[in-house]
Amino acid sequence: MPVQLPYLSSYKNLQTLFDKIGSAKIPESFTHAFLQSTIGLKGSIPPAAAVL
């Protein structure tokens, strides 16, 4: 049975994601809510959040 791996359909916001993560307070858990409220990113990044 093949394993489904997370992927990014677009990498245009990836640098912004890493920059904002680097300057943000360390969250208790890295969640979709953290990405939306603290980092301010939506869209193709959340499926990859489990890897980060």
Protein backbone atom coordinates (compact mmCIF):
# COMPACT_ATOMS: atom_id res chain seq x y z
CA MET A 1 0.00 0.00 0.00
CA PRO A 2 1.57 3.36 -1.01
CA VAL A 3 2.21 5.94 1.66
CA GLN A 4 0.71 9.39 1.12
CA LEU A 5 3.36 12.01 1.81
CA PRO A 6 2.60 15.69 2.39
CA TYR A 7 3.59 17.99 -0.44
CA LEU A 8 3.38 21.61 -1.50
CA SER A 9 1.45 22.46 -4.63
CA SER A 10 3.29 25.79 -4.68
CA TYR A 11 6.49 26.91 -2.97
CA LYS A 12 6.07 30.66 -3.49
CA ASN A 13 5.30 31.31 0.22
CA LEU A 14 7.88 28.92 1.62
CA GLN A 15 10.56 31.56 2.28
CA THR A 16 7.98 33.79 3.99
CA LEU A 17 6.89 30.84 6.10
CA PHE A 18 10.44 30.12 7.29
CA ASP A 19 11.16 33.82 7.95
CA LYS A 20 8.02 34.23 10.05
CA ILE A 21 8.56 30.95 11.90
CA GLY A 22 12.08 32.11 12.77
CA SER A 23 10.82 35.34 14.29
CA ALA A 24 7.68 33.94 15.99
CA LYS A 25 7.33 32.80 19.58
CA ILE A 26 7.66 29.02 19.88
CA PRO A 27 4.12 27.55 19.87
CA GLU A 28 3.00 24.68 22.10
CA SER A 29 2.06 22.89 18.88
CA PHE A 30 2.57 23.73 15.23
CA THR A 31 -0.98 23.77 13.91
CA HIS A 32 -3.06 25.21 11.09
CA ALA A 33 -4.41 27.76 13.59
CA PHE A 34 -0.84 28.86 14.40
CA LEU A 35 -0.13 29.31 10.69
CA GLN A 36 -3.25 31.42 10.21
CA SER A 37 -3.13 33.58 13.35
CA THR A 38 0.60 34.00 14.06
CA ILE A 39 2.30 33.40 10.73
CA GLY A 40 -0.53 34.76 8.57
CA LEU A 41 -0.27 32.13 5.83
CA LYS A 42 -3.06 30.13 4.28
CA GLY A 43 -3.42 27.90 1.25
CA SER A 44 -0.86 25.32 0.17
CA ILE A 45 1.31 25.43 3.30
CA PRO A 46 -1.01 23.70 5.85
CA PRO A 47 -0.67 20.19 4.36
CA ALA A 48 3.08 20.41 5.01
CA ALA A 49 2.65 21.58 8.63
CA ALA A 50 2.87 18.01 9.94
CA VAL A 51 6.36 17.69 8.49
CA LEU A 52 7.58 20.93 10.03
